[in-house]
Protein backbone atom coordinates (compact mmCIF):
# COMPACT_ATOMS: atom_id res chain seq x y z
CA MET A 1 41.99 26.65 -4.70
CA ARG A 2 43.84 23.57 -5.77
CA GLN A 3 42.06 21.45 -8.37
CA PRO A 4 41.71 18.27 -6.20
CA LEU A 5 40.20 20.34 -3.38
CA LEU A 6 37.83 22.10 -5.79
CA LEU A 7 36.75 18.72 -7.16
CA ALA A 8 36.13 17.42 -3.65
CA VAL A 9 33.99 20.45 -2.81
CA LEU A 10 31.97 20.10 -6.02
CA LEU A 11 31.44 16.39 -5.40
CA GLY A 12 30.30 17.14 -1.87
CA LEU A 13 27.81 19.71 -3.10
CA PHE A 14 26.57 17.28 -5.76
CA SER A 15 26.11 14.60 -3.10
CA LEU A 16 24.07 16.95 -0.93
CA THR A 17 21.93 17.90 -3.93
CA VAL A 18 21.25 14.25 -4.79
CA GLN A 19 20.34 13.44 -1.19
CA ALA A 20 17.93 16.38 -1.14
CA GLN A 21 16.31 15.16 -4.35
CA VAL A 22 16.05 11.56 -3.15
CA HIS A 23 14.27 12.43 0.10
CA SER A 24 10.54 12.57 -0.41
CA ASP A 25 7.48 13.08 1.76
CA ILE A 26 3.84 12.16 1.49
CA GLU A 27 2.06 15.50 1.57
CA LEU A 28 -1.17 15.55 3.59
CA GLU A 29 -3.92 18.10 4.08
CA VAL A 30 -7.27 18.01 5.83
CA GLN A 31 -10.00 19.19 3.46
CA THR A 32 -13.67 19.28 4.56
CA ASN A 33 -12.74 16.97 7.44
CA ARG A 34 -11.10 14.38 5.19
CA ILE A 35 -7.42 13.42 5.02
CA VAL A 36 -6.24 14.14 1.50
CA ILE A 37 -2.99 12.65 0.20
CA ASP A 38 -1.00 14.62 -2.37
CA PRO A 39 -3.42 17.59 -2.38
CA GLU A 40 -1.55 19.25 -5.27
CA GLY A 41 -1.89 16.15 -7.48
CA GLU A 42 1.86 15.89 -8.08
CA VAL A 43 2.25 12.12 -7.58
CA GLU A 44 1.65 9.53 -10.29
CA LYS A 45 -1.41 7.34 -9.83
CA VAL A 46 -1.57 3.69 -10.84
CA SER A 47 -4.68 1.54 -10.62
CA GLY A 48 -6.34 4.66 -9.21
CA TYR A 49 -3.94 5.10 -6.26
CA ALA A 50 -0.98 7.43 -5.69
CA LEU A 51 2.34 5.61 -5.94
CA PHE A 52 5.23 6.46 -3.59
CA GLU A 53 8.67 4.91 -3.94
CA SER A 54 11.45 4.20 -1.46
CA GLU A 55 14.96 2.72 -1.39
CA PHE A 56 16.27 0.53 1.42
CA ASP A 57 19.54 1.47 3.10
CA ASN A 58 21.73 -1.45 2.05
CA ALA A 59 24.09 -0.86 4.98
CA LEU A 60 21.48 -1.75 7.60
CA THR A 61 20.19 -5.19 8.58
CA PRO A 62 17.28 -5.64 8.72
CA PHE A 63 17.23 -3.42 5.65
CA THR A 64 15.63 -0.14 6.65
CA THR A 65 14.26 3.03 5.10
CA ARG A 66 12.54 6.03 6.64
CA GLU A 67 11.17 7.31 3.36
CA PRO A 68 8.74 8.51 2.38
CA GLY A 69 8.08 10.68 5.40
CA LEU A 70 4.77 12.34 6.20
CA ASP A 71 4.22 16.10 6.14
CA GLY A 72 0.71 17.34 6.87
CA ALA A 73 -1.32 20.39 7.90
CA GLY A 74 -4.85 21.30 8.90
CA PHE A 75 -5.32 18.73 11.65
CA ASN A 76 -6.62 19.31 15.19
CA PRO A 77 -3.85 19.60 17.79
CA GLY A 78 -3.59 16.55 20.01
CA ASP A 79 -5.32 14.18 17.59
CA LEU A 80 -3.57 11.00 16.50
CA LEU A 81 -2.56 10.28 12.91
CA GLN A 82 -2.64 6.54 12.22
CA TYR A 83 -1.97 4.14 9.34
CA ARG A 84 -3.78 1.03 8.16
CA ILE A 85 -2.25 -1.81 6.15
CA GLU A 86 -4.71 -2.45 3.32
CA SER A 87 -3.07 -5.41 1.58
CA GLY A 88 -0.64 -8.22 2.06
CA LEU A 89 2.95 -7.71 1.01
CA ARG A 90 3.64 -8.32 -2.68
CA LYS A 91 6.93 -9.21 -4.32
CA TRP A 92 7.93 -8.74 -7.96
CA ASP A 93 8.81 -11.91 -9.87
CA ALA A 94 11.07 -10.89 -12.74
CA GLU A 95 10.86 -14.33 -14.38
CA THR A 96 7.10 -14.24 -14.84
CA GLY A 97 6.76 -10.46 -14.93
CA ALA A 98 4.10 -10.52 -12.21
CA TRP A 99 3.54 -9.34 -8.66
CA LEU A 100 3.38 -12.34 -6.32
CA ASP A 101 0.99 -12.37 -3.36
CA GLY A 102 2.34 -15.61 -1.88
CA GLY A 103 5.17 -18.12 -1.92
CA PHE A 104 7.91 -15.95 -0.39
CA ASP A 105 9.22 -15.42 3.15
CA GLU A 106 10.01 -11.71 3.27
CA ARG A 107 8.27 -9.58 5.89
CA LEU A 108 7.87 -5.80 6.15
CA SER A 109 7.73 -4.20 9.61
CA ILE A 110 6.30 -0.70 9.94
CA SER A 111 7.19 1.34 13.04
CA GLY A 112 5.66 4.65 14.05
CA ASN A 113 5.05 6.36 17.38
CA GLU A 114 4.52 3.09 19.25
CA ALA A 115 4.82 -0.64 18.55
CA SER A 116 5.43 -1.88 15.03
CA ASN A 117 3.23 -4.04 12.80
CA THR A 118 4.54 -6.70 10.43
CA VAL A 119 2.94 -7.59 7.11
CA SER A 120 3.71 -10.61 4.94
CA ALA A 121 1.96 -12.11 1.95
CA ASN A 122 -0.58 -13.78 4.21
CA THR A 123 -0.54 -11.95 7.54
CA GLY A 124 -0.77 -8.42 8.86
CA ARG A 125 -3.47 -7.13 6.55
CA PHE A 126 -5.76 -4.54 8.23
CA ALA A 127 -3.30 -3.95 11.09
CA GLU A 128 -3.27 -0.36 12.36
CA GLY A 129 -0.68 1.75 14.13
CA ILE A 130 -0.12 5.25 15.49
CA ILE A 131 2.13 7.50 13.42
CA ASP A 132 2.30 10.58 15.65
CA ILE A 133 0.43 13.11 17.78
CA ILE A 134 -0.69 16.21 15.87
CA GLU A 135 1.38 19.25 16.83
CA ALA A 136 0.06 22.46 18.37
CA ASP A 137 0.03 24.20 14.98
CA GLY A 138 -2.12 21.43 13.45
CA GLY A 139 0.80 19.95 11.56
CA VAL A 140 2.51 16.59 11.55
CA HIS A 141 6.06 15.77 10.46
CA ARG A 142 7.04 12.16 10.94
CA ASP A 143 9.17 9.47 9.32
CA LEU A 144 7.92 5.90 9.66
CA ALA A 145 10.54 3.14 9.70
CA PHE A 146 10.14 0.32 7.18
CA ASN A 147 12.21 -2.81 7.85
CA LEU A 148 12.51 -5.75 5.42
CA HIS A 149 13.51 -9.12 6.86
CA ARG A 150 12.83 -12.86 6.76
CA THR A 151 11.48 -15.11 9.49
CA ASP A 152 14.43 -17.50 9.07
CA ASP A 153 16.90 -14.60 9.61
CA GLY A 154 18.12 -15.05 6.05
CA VAL A 155 18.91 -12.15 3.75
CA PRO A 156 15.87 -10.84 1.82
CA ASP A 157 16.06 -11.16 -1.94
CA ASP A 158 16.98 -8.12 -3.95
CA GLY A 159 13.87 -6.91 -5.71
CA ALA A 160 10.72 -4.81 -5.60
CA TYR A 161 8.15 -5.03 -2.83
CA LEU A 162 4.70 -3.47 -2.70
CA VAL A 163 2.06 -2.76 -0.06
CA LEU A 164 -1.18 -0.78 -0.03
CA LEU A 165 -1.71 1.64 2.88
CA SER A 166 -4.16 4.27 4.05
CA LEU A 167 -4.21 6.94 6.77
CA PHE A 168 -6.85 7.91 9.31
CA GLY A 169 -7.09 10.17 12.34
CA THR A 170 -8.63 9.78 15.75
CA GLU A 171 -9.08 11.89 18.81
CA ALA A 172 -6.59 11.47 21.65
CA ASP A 173 -8.38 8.36 22.90
CA GLY A 174 -7.18 6.52 19.80
CA LYS A 175 -10.70 5.31 18.99
CA THR A 176 -13.06 8.18 18.18
CA PRO A 177 -12.78 9.06 14.46
CA ALA A 178 -11.68 12.64 13.88
CA TYR A 179 -11.59 12.72 10.04
CA ALA A 180 -12.72 10.70 7.08
CA PRO A 181 -9.82 8.37 6.18
CA SER A 182 -7.57 8.95 3.21
CA GLU A 183 -7.67 7.11 -0.05
CA ARG A 184 -5.42 4.10 -0.21
CA PHE A 185 -1.95 4.51 -1.71
CA TRP A 186 0.84 2.26 -2.94
CA LEU A 187 4.25 2.09 -1.32
CA ALA A 188 6.85 0.45 -3.59
CA LEU A 189 10.17 -0.48 -1.98
CA HIS A 190 13.44 -1.24 -3.78
CA LEU A 191 16.24 -3.46 -2.42
CA ASN A 192 19.50 -3.92 -4.29
CA ALA A 193 21.91 -4.96 -1.51
CA GLN A 194 23.47 -7.76 -3.55
CA GLY A 195 23.60 -5.74 -6.74
CA THR A 196 21.25 -8.11 -8.56
CA PHE A 197 18.21 -5.82 -8.98
CA PRO A 198 19.29 -2.43 -10.36
CA GLU A 199 17.13 0.64 -10.80
CA ASN A 200 16.00 -0.24 -14.34
CA ASP A 201 14.55 -3.55 -13.06
CA PHE A 202 12.70 -1.66 -10.34
CA GLU A 203 11.27 0.70 -12.94
CA THR A 204 10.12 -2.30 -15.01
CA ALA A 205 8.20 -3.61 -12.00
CA LEU A 206 6.55 -0.23 -11.46
CA GLU A 207 5.66 0.08 -15.14
CA SER A 208 3.67 -3.13 -14.81
CA LEU A 209 1.53 -1.36 -12.22
CA SER A 210 0.87 1.49 -14.63
CA GLU A 211 -0.20 -1.08 -17.20
CA GLY A 212 -2.53 -2.75 -14.69
CA GLY A 213 -0.10 -5.60 -14.05
CA ALA A 214 -0.88 -5.81 -10.34
CA ASP A 215 -4.63 -6.08 -10.68
CA SER A 216 -5.56 -6.40 -14.34
CA VAL A 217 -7.87 -9.36 -14.93
CA ASP A 218 -10.12 -10.24 -17.86
CA PRO A 219 -13.67 -9.12 -16.91
CA ALA A 220 -14.94 -12.49 -18.17
CA ARG A 221 -12.96 -14.20 -15.39
CA ILE A 222 -14.62 -11.92 -12.84
CA GLU A 223 -18.01 -12.89 -14.27
CA ALA A 224 -17.05 -16.55 -13.94
CA LEU A 225 -15.95 -15.97 -10.34
CA LEU A 226 -19.26 -14.34 -9.39
CA ASN A 227 -21.12 -17.24 -11.02
CA TRP A 228 -18.97 -19.64 -8.97
CA ALA A 229 -19.84 -17.73 -5.79
CA GLU A 230 -23.56 -18.04 -6.53
CA ASP A 231 -23.22 -21.77 -7.20
CA ASN A 232 -21.12 -22.53 -4.13
CA PHE A 233 -22.62 -20.16 -1.54
CA PRO A 234 -26.36 -20.09 -2.30
CA GLU A 235 -27.16 -19.22 1.31
CA LEU A 236 -25.38 -15.88 0.75
CA PHE A 237 -25.95 -15.21 -2.94
CA SER A 238 -29.47 -16.46 -3.12
CA GLU A 239 -30.34 -16.11 -6.80
CA ALA A 240 -28.69 -15.45 -10.14
CA LYS A 241 -28.03 -11.77 -10.71
CA THR A 242 -26.60 -9.60 -13.46
CA THR A 243 -23.31 -7.83 -12.83
CA GLN A 244 -23.38 -4.03 -12.67
CA THR A 245 -20.58 -1.46 -12.51
CA VAL A 246 -21.04 0.81 -9.50
CA LEU A 247 -18.37 3.24 -8.20
CA GLY A 248 -15.66 1.23 -9.91
CA PHE A 249 -16.91 -2.13 -8.57
CA GLN A 250 -18.01 -5.04 -10.75
CA ALA A 251 -20.77 -6.07 -8.38
CA ARG A 252 -23.92 -8.09 -7.85
CA CYS A 253 -26.53 -7.37 -5.16
CA TYR A 254 -29.15 -9.81 -3.92
CA ASN A 255 -32.63 -9.66 -2.42
CA ASN A 256 -31.28 -10.58 1.03
CA GLY A 257 -29.25 -7.35 1.10
CA VAL A 258 -25.88 -8.98 0.42
CA CYS A 259 -23.62 -7.57 -2.30
CA ILE A 260 -20.38 -8.98 -3.71
CA GLY A 261 -18.00 -7.02 -5.91
CA VAL A 262 -14.49 -6.75 -7.30
CA LYS A 263 -12.35 -3.61 -7.44
CA ASP A 264 -8.62 -2.96 -7.80
CA GLY A 265 -7.63 -6.59 -7.39
CA PHE A 266 -9.68 -7.29 -4.25
CA VAL A 267 -13.01 -9.01 -3.58
CA TYR A 268 -15.49 -7.21 -1.31
CA ALA A 269 -18.81 -8.13 0.31
CA SER A 270 -21.37 -6.04 2.16
CA GLY A 271 -24.69 -6.46 3.92
CA SER A 272 -25.89 -9.03 6.44
CA GLY A 273 -22.94 -10.25 8.56
CA PHE A 274 -20.37 -8.57 6.28
CA GLY A 275 -21.08 -5.05 7.54
CA SER A 276 -20.87 -1.96 5.35
CA LEU A 277 -17.88 -3.18 3.31
CA TRP A 278 -15.71 -6.22 4.04
CA ASN A 279 -12.46 -6.97 2.18
CA ALA A 280 -12.53 -10.73 1.52
CA GLY A 281 -8.99 -10.90 0.11
CA THR A 282 -7.25 -10.66 -3.22
CA LEU A 283 -8.97 -11.41 -6.50
CA LYS A 284 -6.03 -13.65 -7.40
CA PHE A 285 -6.66 -15.80 -4.31
CA TRP A 286 -10.36 -16.27 -5.10
CA LEU A 287 -9.73 -17.00 -8.76
CA SER A 288 -7.37 -19.73 -7.59
CA GLN A 289 -9.98 -21.08 -5.15
CA ALA A 290 -12.52 -21.22 -7.95
CA GLY A 291 -10.07 -22.88 -10.36
CA LEU A 292 -10.21 -19.93 -12.73
């Protein structure tokens, strides 16, 4: 075989190997009627959640990726696997070294079996969509489509983007719960279409998550926020209470049955009109509201 031809063959094989390594799936398994993500524990966890990464195809506009896919087993045939958007879209700010939860125009559309949902910094949180119908063997193999775009039709900035998701399953009617939902997980997306945000910058953004950069806040500021809530909403938080740590929450519970707590960068309330557990928004937003 001539040397140039041999080189071409080797390069082709190398390309196929790289593509095989780049493609990744979110492994799922139903255990004791609960959807378990990464059952083998192979994926890194940050802030308590599994972190999955994806690269946008720079040749497509809006920029699109179908990774990570979903590969699951142990479901009931005919059930529906669905996703839930658990946070607003976040964008990495290299200048400040922080994840922004506002002040940018990029949007992320997620498309599954049916219509898509779009999440931005301020809209789309808690939207739900169907991923696929469970196959006859109890498995599911599906690639969601993630599209990054701007409302003004401009080109999205190169950078790192982040969203928190979870999965749940229903019976064929789309409403009746079939399994306990999964834990939430991070999806981090990398765009480098203009060549201004290379892989090492993306890794820097992800390292900040491992160091608590997305959600790390001085506990004293959380105490100050809970004091502010008591002072400003006495009809809800009816008397001064001491903060306790329960199931990872920094929380206070009151005689009227209402509880307020902070966990993983979000503020939650429960009891009374809040229901069993209501996500009130990001901790960063409420610290800003309280002037803290």
